[in-house]
Amino acid sequence: MYTVSLDDESEQQVDALPPVALAPFAELRTMLEVAPWNGDPLNKLKPDSPMRTCTFGPNDEGMTVYLSWMTNNAWTS
């Protein structure tokens, strides 16, 4: 499993999500904890870049951009 950490600004944005978006966002976080590389590369010209993006919601209404990096031989998203 991987660790998902949010900075203060991201926490504020999550807190501001409408109630209908909370379950899809929780599903996204679960996916990131299991397989963070399933997201799309932020820069399509650099498919191996650690900057990733992923949409969430029934019609992809939400989007997150995240960074995956390795620390202490463990990947963190």
PDB file of N, CA and C in Angstrom:
ATOM      1  N   MET A   1       0.844  -1.182   0.000  1.00  0.00           N
ATOM      2  CA  MET A   1       0.000   0.000   0.000  1.00  0.00           C
ATOM      3  C   MET A   1       0.885   1.238   0.000  1.00  0.00           C
ATOM      4  N   TYR A   2       0.363   2.281  -0.587  1.00  0.00           N
ATOM      5  CA  TYR A   2       1.048   3.558  -0.667  1.00  0.00           C
ATOM      6  C   TYR A   2       0.367   4.548   0.269  1.00  0.00           C
ATOM      7  N   THR A   3       1.072   5.611   0.610  1.00  0.00           N
ATOM      8  CA  THR A   3       0.539   6.647   1.481  1.00  0.00           C
ATOM      9  C   THR A   3       0.097   7.831   0.647  1.00  0.00           C
ATOM     10  N   VAL A   4      -1.090   8.344   0.926  1.00  0.00           N
ATOM     11  CA  VAL A   4      -1.594   9.542   0.263  1.00  0.00           C
ATOM     12  C   VAL A   4      -1.578  10.663   1.287  1.00  0.00           C
ATOM     13  N   SER A   5      -0.835  11.728   0.995  1.00  0.00           N
ATOM     14  CA  SER A   5      -0.742  12.879   1.886  1.00  0.00           C
ATOM     15  C   SER A   5      -1.235  14.112   1.151  1.00  0.00           C
ATOM     16  N   LEU A   6      -1.933  14.974   1.877  1.00  0.00           N
ATOM     17  CA  LEU A   6      -2.417  16.225   1.298  1.00  0.00           C
ATOM     18  C   LEU A   6      -1.760  17.396   2.012  1.00  0.00           C
ATOM     19  N   ASP A   7      -1.397  18.435   1.252  1.00  0.00           N
ATOM     20  CA  ASP A   7      -0.907  19.648   1.887  1.00  0.00           C
ATOM     21  C   ASP A   7      -2.113  20.459   2.374  1.00  0.00           C
ATOM     22  N   ASP A   8      -1.855  21.560   3.079  1.00  0.00           N
ATOM     23  CA  ASP A   8      -2.938  22.355   3.664  1.00  0.00           C
ATOM     24  C   ASP A   8      -3.909  22.884   2.615  1.00  0.00           C
ATOM     25  N   GLU A   9      -3.381  23.369   1.501  1.00  0.00           N
ATOM     26  CA  GLU A   9      -4.250  23.903   0.448  1.00  0.00           C
ATOM     27  C   GLU A   9      -5.148  22.808  -0.135  1.00  0.00           C
ATOM     28  N   SER A  10      -4.581  21.632  -0.334  1.00  0.00           N
ATOM     29  CA  SER A  10      -5.375  20.514  -0.855  1.00  0.00           C
ATOM     30  C   SER A  10      -6.445  20.093   0.146  1.00  0.00           C
ATOM     31  N   GLU A  11      -6.103  20.086   1.428  1.00  0.00           N
ATOM     32  CA  GLU A  11      -7.090  19.750   2.467  1.00  0.00           C
ATOM     33  C   GLU A  11      -8.273  20.712   2.405  1.00  0.00           C
ATOM     34  N   GLN A  12      -7.989  22.005   2.218  1.00  0.00           N
ATOM     35  CA  GLN A  12      -9.062  23.000   2.120  1.00  0.00           C
ATOM     36  C   GLN A  12      -9.941  22.733   0.904  1.00  0.00           C
ATOM     37  N   GLN A  13      -9.325  22.348  -0.197  1.00  0.00           N
ATOM     38  CA  GLN A  13     -10.101  22.060  -1.400  1.00  0.00           C
ATOM     39  C   GLN A  13     -10.971  20.822  -1.211  1.00  0.00           C
ATOM     40  N   VAL A  14     -10.451  19.815  -0.549  1.00  0.00           N
ATOM     41  CA  VAL A  14     -11.247  18.612  -0.280  1.00  0.00           C
ATOM     42  C   VAL A  14     -12.400  18.959   0.660  1.00  0.00           C
ATOM     43  N   ASP A  15     -12.119  19.777   1.673  1.00  0.00           N
ATOM     44  CA  ASP A  15     -13.173  20.182   2.607  1.00  0.00           C
ATOM     45  C   ASP A  15     -14.285  20.952   1.903  1.00  0.00           C
ATOM     46  N   ALA A  16     -13.961  21.615   0.795  1.00  0.00           N
ATOM     47  CA  ALA A  16     -14.947  22.414   0.059  1.00  0.00           C
ATOM     48  C   ALA A  16     -15.712  21.602  -0.992  1.00  0.00           C
ATOM     49  N   LEU A  17     -15.368  20.331  -1.159  1.00  0.00           N
ATOM     50  CA  LEU A  17     -16.084  19.510  -2.143  1.00  0.00           C
ATOM     51  C   LEU A  17     -17.551  19.377  -1.746  1.00  0.00           C
ATOM     52  N   PRO A  18     -18.443  19.358  -2.727  1.00  0.00           N
ATOM     53  CA  PRO A  18     -19.854  19.126  -2.400  1.00  0.00           C
ATOM     54  C   PRO A  18     -20.037  17.695  -1.885  1.00  0.00           C
ATOM     55  N   PRO A  19     -21.049  17.475  -1.058  1.00  0.00           N
ATOM     56  CA  PRO A  19     -21.256  16.136  -0.491  1.00  0.00           C
ATOM     57  C   PRO A  19     -21.307  15.023  -1.536  1.00  0.00           C
ATOM     58  N   VAL A  20     -21.868  15.300  -2.705  1.00  0.00           N
ATOM     59  CA  VAL A  20     -21.986  14.273  -3.740  1.00  0.00           C
ATOM     60  C   VAL A  20     -20.612  13.834  -4.267  1.00  0.00           C
ATOM     61  N   ALA A  21     -19.585  14.647  -4.077  1.00  0.00           N
ATOM     62  CA  ALA A  21     -18.245  14.320  -4.587  1.00  0.00           C
ATOM     63  C   ALA A  21     -17.391  13.558  -3.576  1.00  0.00           C
ATOM     64  N   LEU A  22     -17.844  13.461  -2.340  1.00  0.00           N
ATOM     65  CA  LEU A  22     -17.004  12.858  -1.303  1.00  0.00           C
ATOM     66  C   LEU A  22     -16.762  11.365  -1.516  1.00  0.00           C
ATOM     67  N   ALA A  23     -17.786  10.615  -1.867  1.00  0.00           N
ATOM     68  CA  ALA A  23     -17.594   9.172  -2.105  1.00  0.00           C
ATOM     69  C   ALA A  23     -16.686   8.918  -3.312  1.00  0.00           C
ATOM     70  N   PRO A  24     -16.907   9.606  -4.458  1.00  0.00           N
ATOM     71  CA  PRO A  24     -15.979   9.392  -5.578  1.00  0.00           C
ATOM     72  C   PRO A  24     -14.539   9.789  -5.238  1.00  0.00           C
ATOM     73  N   PHE A  25     -14.357  10.852  -4.444  1.00  0.00           N
ATOM     74  CA  PHE A  25     -13.008  11.245  -4.057  1.00  0.00           C
ATOM     75  C   PHE A  25     -12.388  10.186  -3.142  1.00  0.00           C
ATOM     76  N   ALA A  26     -13.180   9.620  -2.245  1.00  0.00           N
ATOM     77  CA  ALA A  26     -12.675   8.550  -1.377  1.00  0.00           C
ATOM     78  C   ALA A  26     -12.251   7.337  -2.209  1.00  0.00           C
ATOM     79  N   GLU A  27     -13.014   7.020  -3.248  1.00  0.00           N
ATOM     80  CA  GLU A  27     -12.642   5.916  -4.142  1.00  0.00           C
ATOM     81  C   GLU A  27     -11.326   6.221  -4.858  1.00  0.00           C
ATOM     82  N   LEU A  28     -11.151   7.472  -5.274  1.00  0.00           N
ATOM     83  CA  LEU A  28      -9.901   7.880  -5.917  1.00  0.00           C
ATOM     84  C   LEU A  28      -8.730   7.706  -4.955  1.00  0.00           C
ATOM     85  N   ARG A  29      -8.896   8.141  -3.714  1.00  0.00           N
ATOM     86  CA  ARG A  29      -7.817   7.994  -2.727  1.00  0.00           C
ATOM     87  C   ARG A  29      -7.467   6.525  -2.525  1.00  0.00           C
ATOM     88  N   THR A  30      -8.471   5.667  -2.496  1.00  0.00           N
ATOM     89  CA  THR A  30      -8.222   4.232  -2.350  1.00  0.00           C
ATOM     90  C   THR A  30      -7.411   3.712  -3.532  1.00  0.00           C
ATOM     91  N   MET A  31      -7.768   4.143  -4.734  1.00  0.00           N
ATOM     92  CA  MET A  31      -7.010   3.732  -5.921  1.00  0.00           C
ATOM     93  C   MET A  31      -5.562   4.205  -5.807  1.00  0.00           C
ATOM     94  N   LEU A  32      -5.354   5.442  -5.351  1.00  0.00           N
ATOM     95  CA  LEU A  32      -3.994   5.963  -5.224  1.00  0.00           C
ATOM     96  C   LEU A  32      -3.187   5.183  -4.188  1.00  0.00           C
ATOM     97  N   GLU A  33      -3.841   4.713  -3.138  1.00  0.00           N
ATOM     98  CA  GLU A  33      -3.146   3.929  -2.118  1.00  0.00           C
ATOM     99  C   GLU A  33      -2.718   2.562  -2.653  1.00  0.00           C
ATOM    100  N   VAL A  34      -3.411   2.075  -3.659  1.00  0.00           N
ATOM    101  CA  VAL A  34      -3.126   0.748  -4.205  1.00  0.00           C
ATOM    102  C   VAL A  34      -2.271   0.819  -5.471  1.00  0.00           C
ATOM    103  N   ALA A  35      -2.591   1.733  -6.366  1.00  0.00           N
ATOM    104  CA  ALA A  35      -1.920   1.781  -7.676  1.00  0.00           C
ATOM    105  C   ALA A  35      -1.810   3.219  -8.187  1.00  0.00           C
ATOM    106  N   PRO A  36      -0.923   4.027  -7.597  1.00  0.00           N
ATOM    107  CA  PRO A  36      -0.837   5.433  -8.005  1.00  0.00           C
ATOM    108  C   PRO A  36      -0.436   5.637  -9.460  1.00  0.00           C
ATOM    109  N   TRP A  37       0.228   4.663 -10.061  1.00  0.00           N
ATOM    110  CA  TRP A  37       0.646   4.827 -11.454  1.00  0.00           C
ATOM    111  C   TRP A  37      -0.495   4.585 -12.430  1.00  0.00           C
ATOM    112  N   ASN A  38      -1.692   4.249 -11.935  1.00  0.00           N
ATOM    113  CA  ASN A  38      -2.845   4.095 -12.822  1.00  0.00           C
ATOM    114  C   ASN A  38      -3.326   5.432 -13.365  1.00  0.00           C
ATOM    115  N   GLY A  39      -2.930   6.528 -12.738  1.00  0.00           N
ATOM    116  CA  GLY A  39      -3.290   7.844 -13.254  1.00  0.00           C
ATOM    117  C   GLY A  39      -2.560   8.127 -14.553  1.00  0.00           C
ATOM    118  N   ASP A  40      -3.047   9.114 -15.277  1.00  0.00           N
ATOM    119  CA  ASP A  40      -2.408   9.512 -16.531  1.00  0.00           C
ATOM    120  C   ASP A  40      -1.254  10.463 -16.253  1.00  0.00           C
ATOM    121  N   PRO A  41      -0.229  10.462 -17.102  1.00  0.00           N
ATOM    122  CA  PRO A  41       0.849  11.432 -16.916  1.00  0.00           C
ATOM    123  C   PRO A  41       0.310  12.846 -17.143  1.00  0.00           C
ATOM    124  N   LEU A  42       0.735  13.782 -16.318  1.00  0.00           N
ATOM    125  CA  LEU A  42       0.318  15.169 -16.497  1.00  0.00           C
ATOM    126  C   LEU A  42       0.831  15.693 -17.830  1.00  0.00           C
ATOM    127  N   ASN A  43       2.063  15.334 -18.161  1.00  0.00           N
ATOM    128  CA  ASN A  43       2.668  15.723 -19.433  1.00  0.00           C
ATOM    129  C   ASN A  43       2.710  14.483 -20.324  1.00  0.00           C
ATOM    130  N   LYS A  44       1.877  14.461 -21.344  1.00  0.00           N
ATOM    131  CA  LYS A  44       1.790  13.284 -22.227  1.00  0.00           C
ATOM    132  C   LYS A  44       3.116  12.984 -22.928  1.00  0.00           C
ATOM    133  N   LEU A  45       3.987  13.992 -23.055  1.00  0.00           N
ATOM    134  CA  LEU A  45       5.289  13.783 -23.690  1.00  0.00           C
ATOM    135  C   LEU A  45       6.289  13.116 -22.746  1.00  0.00           C
ATOM    136  N   LYS A  46       5.937  13.039 -21.456  1.00  0.00           N
ATOM    137  CA  LYS A  46       6.798  12.389 -20.467  1.00  0.00           C
ATOM    138  C   LYS A  46       5.972  11.347 -19.709  1.00  0.00           C
ATOM    139  N   PRO A  47       5.665  10.234 -20.352  1.00  0.00           N
ATOM    140  CA  PRO A  47       4.765   9.248 -19.740  1.00  0.00           C
ATOM    141  C   PRO A  47       5.293   8.621 -18.451  1.00  0.00           C
ATOM    142  N   ASP A  48       6.597   8.684 -18.204  1.00  0.00           N
ATOM    143  CA  ASP A  48       7.157   8.115 -16.980  1.00  0.00           C
ATOM    144  C   ASP A  48       7.305   9.148 -15.870  1.00  0.00           C
ATOM    145  N   SER A  49       6.827  10.350 -16.101  1.00  0.00           N
ATOM    146  CA  SER A  49       6.929  11.420 -15.116  1.00  0.00           C
ATOM    147  C   SER A  49       6.151  11.071 -13.850  1.00  0.00           C
ATOM    148  N   PRO A  50       6.653  11.468 -12.676  1.00  0.00           N
ATOM    149  CA  PRO A  50       5.921  11.198 -11.440  1.00  0.00           C
ATOM    150  C   PRO A  50       4.719  12.125 -11.230  1.00  0.00           C
ATOM    151  N   MET A  51       4.582  13.156 -12.053  1.00  0.00           N
ATOM    152  CA  MET A  51       3.403  14.029 -11.977  1.00  0.00           C
ATOM    153  C   MET A  51       2.273  13.344 -12.726  1.00  0.00           C
ATOM    154  N   ARG A  52       1.207  13.020 -12.011  1.00  0.00           N
ATOM    155  CA  ARG A  52       0.099  12.258 -12.581  1.00  0.00           C
ATOM    156  C   ARG A  52      -1.208  13.035 -12.405  1.00  0.00           C
ATOM    157  N   THR A  53      -2.220  12.643 -13.130  1.00  0.00           N
ATOM    158  CA  THR A  53      -3.545  13.233 -13.004  1.00  0.00           C
ATOM    159  C   THR A  53      -4.591  12.127 -13.104  1.00  0.00           C
ATOM    160  N   CYS A  54      -5.696  12.351 -12.427  1.00  0.00           N
ATOM    161  CA  CYS A  54      -6.770  11.365 -12.443  1.00  0.00           C
ATOM    162  C   CYS A  54      -8.089  12.092 -12.188  1.00  0.00           C
ATOM    163  N   THR A  55      -9.116  11.694 -12.903  1.00  0.00           N
ATOM    164  CA  THR A  55     -10.435  12.283 -12.695  1.00  0.00           C
ATOM    165  C   THR A  55     -11.252  11.382 -11.777  1.00  0.00           C
ATOM    166  N   PHE A  56     -12.288  11.973 -11.199  1.00  0.00           N
ATOM    167  CA  PHE A  56     -13.181  11.197 -10.342  1.00  0.00           C
ATOM    168  C   PHE A  56     -14.598  11.734 -10.477  1.00  0.00           C
ATOM    169  N   GLY A  57     -15.535  10.907 -10.092  1.00  0.00           N
ATOM    170  CA  GLY A  57     -16.947  11.255 -10.214  1.00  0.00           C
ATOM    171  C   GLY A  57     -17.579  10.481 -11.354  1.00  0.00           C
ATOM    172  N   PRO A  58     -18.911  10.349 -11.335  1.00  0.00           N
ATOM    173  CA  PRO A  58     -19.592   9.546 -12.353  1.00  0.00           C
ATOM    174  C   PRO A  58     -19.378  10.053 -13.774  1.00  0.00           C
ATOM    175  N   ASN A  59     -19.171  11.348 -13.924  1.00  0.00           N
ATOM    176  CA  ASN A  59     -18.932  11.927 -15.251  1.00  0.00           C
ATOM    177  C   ASN A  59     -17.584  12.635 -15.306  1.00  0.00           C
ATOM    178  N   ASP A  60     -16.657  12.195 -14.463  1.00  0.00           N
ATOM    179  CA  ASP A  60     -15.314  12.800 -14.393  1.00  0.00           C
ATOM    180  C   ASP A  60     -15.375  14.293 -14.097  1.00  0.00           C
ATOM    181  N   GLU A  61     -16.274  14.701 -13.187  1.00  0.00           N
ATOM    182  CA  GLU A  61     -16.406  16.116 -12.850  1.00  0.00           C
ATOM    183  C   GLU A  61     -15.217  16.643 -12.046  1.00  0.00           C
ATOM    184  N   GLY A  62     -14.567  15.775 -11.293  1.00  0.00           N
ATOM    185  CA  GLY A  62     -13.440  16.199 -10.473  1.00  0.00           C
ATOM    186  C   GLY A  62     -12.125  15.737 -11.071  1.00  0.00           C
ATOM    187  N   MET A  63     -11.068  16.467 -10.764  1.00  0.00           N
ATOM    188  CA  MET A  63      -9.745  16.085 -11.249  1.00  0.00           C
ATOM    189  C   MET A  63      -8.729  16.366 -10.157  1.00  0.00           C
ATOM    190  N   THR A  64      -7.782  15.479 -10.031  1.00  0.00           N
ATOM    191  CA  THR A  64      -6.681  15.696  -9.110  1.00  0.00           C
ATOM    192  C   THR A  64      -5.369  15.566  -9.875  1.00  0.00           C
ATOM    193  N   VAL A  65      -4.396  16.348  -9.462  1.00  0.00           N
ATOM    194  CA  VAL A  65      -3.031  16.255  -9.980  1.00  0.00           C
ATOM    195  C   VAL A  65      -2.167  15.903  -8.778  1.00  0.00           C
ATOM    196  N   TYR A  66      -1.304  14.917  -8.938  1.00  0.00           N
ATOM    197  CA  TYR A  66      -0.520  14.473  -7.799  1.00  0.00           C
ATOM    198  C   TYR A  66       0.884  14.073  -8.230  1.00  0.00           C
ATOM    199  N   LEU A  67       1.740  14.004  -7.250  1.00  0.00           N
ATOM    200  CA  LEU A  67       3.141  13.641  -7.446  1.00  0.00           C
ATOM    201  C   LEU A  67       3.399  12.335  -6.707  1.00  0.00           C
ATOM    202  N   SER A  68       3.986  11.378  -7.384  1.00  0.00           N
ATOM    203  CA  SER A  68       4.402  10.123  -6.744  1.00  0.00           C
ATOM    204  C   SER A  68       5.920  10.124  -6.666  1.00  0.00           C
ATOM    205  N   TRP A  69       6.444   9.868  -5.489  1.00  0.00           N
ATOM    206  CA  TRP A  69       7.890   9.790  -5.361  1.00  0.00           C
ATOM    207  C   TRP A  69       8.254   8.723  -4.343  1.00  0.00           C
ATOM    208  N   MET A  70       9.494   8.246  -4.447  1.00  0.00           N
ATOM    209  CA  MET A  70       9.954   7.185  -3.568  1.00  0.00           C
ATOM    210  C   MET A  70      10.777   7.780  -2.434  1.00  0.00           C
ATOM    211  N   THR A  71      10.435   7.373  -1.206  1.00  0.00           N
ATOM    212  CA  THR A  71      11.219   7.741  -0.030  1.00  0.00           C
ATOM    213  C   THR A  71      11.431   6.481   0.795  1.00  0.00           C
ATOM    214  N   ASN A  72      12.619   6.302   1.285  1.00  0.00           N
ATOM    215  CA  ASN A  72      12.933   5.126   2.106  1.00  0.00           C
ATOM    216  C   ASN A  72      12.480   3.829   1.439  1.00  0.00           C
ATOM    217  N   ASN A  73      12.734   3.748   0.135  1.00  0.00           N
ATOM    218  CA  ASN A  73      12.381   2.556  -0.647  1.00  0.00           C
ATOM    219  C   ASN A  73      10.886   2.259  -0.665  1.00  0.00           C
ATOM    220  N   ALA A  74      10.069   3.292  -0.488  1.00  0.00           N
ATOM    221  CA  ALA A  74       8.615   3.125  -0.554  1.00  0.00           C
ATOM    222  C   ALA A  74       8.045   4.283  -1.357  1.00  0.00           C
ATOM    223  N   TRP A  75       7.100   3.978  -2.239  1.00  0.00           N
ATOM    224  CA  TRP A  75       6.471   5.024  -3.042  1.00  0.00           C
ATOM    225  C   TRP A  75       5.463   5.780  -2.204  1.00  0.00           C
ATOM    226  N   THR A  76       5.406   7.095  -2.392  1.00  0.00           N
ATOM    227  CA  THR A  76       4.452   7.954  -1.705  1.00  0.00           C
ATOM    228  C   THR A  76       3.709   8.764  -2.741  1.00  0.00           C
ATOM    229  N   SER A  77       2.402   8.890  -2.600  1.00  0.00           N
ATOM    230  CA  SER A  77       1.606   9.730  -3.500  1.00  0.00           C
ATOM    231  C   SER A  77       0.947  10.821  -2.704  1.00  0.00           C
TER     232      SER A  77
END
